[in-house]
Amino acid sequence: MFELSGDLAERPILEVLRAVHAHGASGLLELDPSGHRRRLFFVNGELHLPGSHPLARKLAEQLATLRAAQSTAMSGQAQLEPA
């Protein structure tokens, strides 16, 4: 079971999202920036939020960037393996 807690002042949100995605975690991530609570829902490492929310759009873009980078890295490793 993957469990994560802490202060985002000490751990950047992108690092948190990377860990959630990498572990395929499901659950709720609660953020409280400046007293404005946000609840992010994840299922198997994928973000599930109302698409109209600005935070949802921003985080979805960042996750898409992570997936693309991960995919590129994986294809590069496959090419480097001997036949």
C-alpha atoms as a PDB file:
ATOM      1  CA  MET A   1       0.000   0.000   0.000  1.00  0.00           C
ATOM      2  CA  PHE A   2       1.358   3.393  -1.026  1.00  0.00           C
ATOM      3  CA  GLU A   3       0.999   6.144   1.593  1.00  0.00           C
ATOM      4  CA  LEU A   4       2.175   9.721   1.302  1.00  0.00           C
ATOM      5  CA  SER A   5       1.865  12.682   3.653  1.00  0.00           C
ATOM      6  CA  GLY A   6       3.755  15.871   4.312  1.00  0.00           C
ATOM      7  CA  ASP A   7       4.127  19.538   3.606  1.00  0.00           C
ATOM      8  CA  LEU A   8       4.193  20.761   0.006  1.00  0.00           C
ATOM      9  CA  ALA A   9       6.556  23.511   1.107  1.00  0.00           C
ATOM     10  CA  GLU A  10       9.114  20.711   1.559  1.00  0.00           C
ATOM     11  CA  ARG A  11       8.096  18.513  -1.388  1.00  0.00           C
ATOM     12  CA  PRO A  12       7.026  20.006  -4.732  1.00  0.00           C
ATOM     13  CA  ILE A  13       3.581  19.042  -6.037  1.00  0.00           C
ATOM     14  CA  LEU A  14       5.094  17.694  -9.252  1.00  0.00           C
ATOM     15  CA  GLU A  15       7.170  15.225  -7.214  1.00  0.00           C
ATOM     16  CA  VAL A  16       4.038  14.148  -5.336  1.00  0.00           C
ATOM     17  CA  LEU A  17       2.134  13.638  -8.603  1.00  0.00           C
ATOM     18  CA  ARG A  18       5.046  11.670 -10.034  1.00  0.00           C
ATOM     19  CA  ALA A  19       5.028   9.345  -7.014  1.00  0.00           C
ATOM     20  CA  VAL A  20       1.252   8.837  -7.136  1.00  0.00           C
ATOM     21  CA  HIS A  21       1.417   8.060 -10.846  1.00  0.00           C
ATOM     22  CA  ALA A  22       4.477   5.797 -10.561  1.00  0.00           C
ATOM     23  CA  HIS A  23       2.865   3.716  -7.808  1.00  0.00           C
ATOM     24  CA  GLY A  24      -0.504   3.578  -9.576  1.00  0.00           C
ATOM     25  CA  ALA A  25      -2.008   4.837  -6.350  1.00  0.00           C
ATOM     26  CA  SER A  26      -5.714   5.337  -5.769  1.00  0.00           C
ATOM     27  CA  GLY A  27      -7.176   7.675  -3.202  1.00  0.00           C
ATOM     28  CA  LEU A  28      -7.633  11.267  -2.199  1.00  0.00           C
ATOM     29  CA  LEU A  29      -4.963  13.973  -2.112  1.00  0.00           C
ATOM     30  CA  GLU A  30      -6.028  17.017  -0.115  1.00  0.00           C
ATOM     31  CA  LEU A  31      -4.277  20.321  -0.713  1.00  0.00           C
ATOM     32  CA  ASP A  32      -4.835  23.475   1.324  1.00  0.00           C
ATOM     33  CA  PRO A  33      -2.937  26.293  -0.393  1.00  0.00           C
ATOM     34  CA  SER A  34      -3.652  29.613   1.312  1.00  0.00           C
ATOM     35  CA  GLY A  35      -6.705  28.228   3.081  1.00  0.00           C
ATOM     36  CA  HIS A  36      -8.434  27.063  -0.129  1.00  0.00           C
ATOM     37  CA  ARG A  37      -8.882  23.313   0.258  1.00  0.00           C
ATOM     38  CA  ARG A  38      -8.661  21.234  -2.902  1.00  0.00           C
ATOM     39  CA  ARG A  39      -9.394  17.531  -3.136  1.00  0.00           C
ATOM     40  CA  LEU A  40      -7.770  15.532  -5.918  1.00  0.00           C
ATOM     41  CA  PHE A  41      -9.013  12.026  -6.633  1.00  0.00           C
ATOM     42  CA  PHE A  42      -6.722   9.397  -8.144  1.00  0.00           C
ATOM     43  CA  VAL A  43      -7.605   5.965  -9.509  1.00  0.00           C
ATOM     44  CA  ASN A  44      -4.663   3.719 -10.414  1.00  0.00           C
ATOM     45  CA  GLY A  45      -2.390   6.767 -10.593  1.00  0.00           C
ATOM     46  CA  GLU A  46      -4.723   8.693 -12.905  1.00  0.00           C
ATOM     47  CA  LEU A  47      -6.198  12.045 -11.855  1.00  0.00           C
ATOM     48  CA  HIS A  48     -10.001  12.263 -11.750  1.00  0.00           C
ATOM     49  CA  LEU A  49     -11.328  15.811 -11.354  1.00  0.00           C
ATOM     50  CA  PRO A  50     -14.042  17.879 -12.971  1.00  0.00           C
ATOM     51  CA  GLY A  51     -12.431  18.966 -16.223  1.00  0.00           C
ATOM     52  CA  SER A  52     -13.671  22.519 -15.884  1.00  0.00           C
ATOM     53  CA  HIS A  53     -11.645  23.239 -12.763  1.00  0.00           C
ATOM     54  CA  PRO A  54      -8.477  25.278 -13.512  1.00  0.00           C
ATOM     55  CA  LEU A  55      -6.395  23.136 -11.165  1.00  0.00           C
ATOM     56  CA  ALA A  56      -7.630  19.990 -12.872  1.00  0.00           C
ATOM     57  CA  ARG A  57      -6.574  21.321 -16.273  1.00  0.00           C
ATOM     58  CA  LYS A  58      -3.138  22.388 -15.017  1.00  0.00           C
ATOM     59  CA  LEU A  59      -2.457  19.081 -13.251  1.00  0.00           C
ATOM     60  CA  ALA A  60      -3.721  17.064 -16.207  1.00  0.00           C
ATOM     61  CA  GLU A  61      -1.256  18.914 -18.448  1.00  0.00           C
ATOM     62  CA  GLN A  62       1.589  18.166 -16.045  1.00  0.00           C
ATOM     63  CA  LEU A  63       0.646  14.474 -15.831  1.00  0.00           C
ATOM     64  CA  ALA A  64       0.468  14.268 -19.634  1.00  0.00           C
ATOM     65  CA  THR A  65       3.975  15.745 -19.804  1.00  0.00           C
ATOM     66  CA  LEU A  66       5.193  13.153 -17.288  1.00  0.00           C
ATOM     67  CA  ARG A  67       3.620  10.305 -19.263  1.00  0.00           C
ATOM     68  CA  ALA A  68       5.190  11.527 -22.504  1.00  0.00           C
ATOM     69  CA  ALA A  69       8.622  11.829 -20.875  1.00  0.00           C
ATOM     70  CA  GLN A  70       8.272   8.383 -19.317  1.00  0.00           C
ATOM     71  CA  SER A  71       7.205   6.879 -22.629  1.00  0.00           C
ATOM     72  CA  THR A  72      10.134   8.509 -24.434  1.00  0.00           C
ATOM     73  CA  ALA A  73      12.564   7.259 -21.787  1.00  0.00           C
ATOM     74  CA  MET A  74      11.167   3.728 -22.028  1.00  0.00           C
ATOM     75  CA  SER A  75      11.423   3.637 -25.823  1.00  0.00           C
ATOM     76  CA  GLY A  76      15.007   4.911 -25.597  1.00  0.00           C
ATOM     77  CA  GLN A  77      15.878   2.088 -23.187  1.00  0.00           C
ATOM     78  CA  ALA A  78      14.336  -0.474 -25.480  1.00  0.00           C
ATOM     79  CA  GLN A  79      16.539   0.711 -28.337  1.00  0.00           C
ATOM     80  CA  LEU A  80      19.695   0.444 -26.216  1.00  0.00           C
ATOM     81  CA  GLU A  81      19.192  -3.201 -25.271  1.00  0.00           C
ATOM     82  CA  PRO A  82      21.284  -5.709 -27.238  1.00  0.00           C
ATOM     83  CA  ALA A  83      19.491  -7.998 -29.689  1.00  0.00           C
END
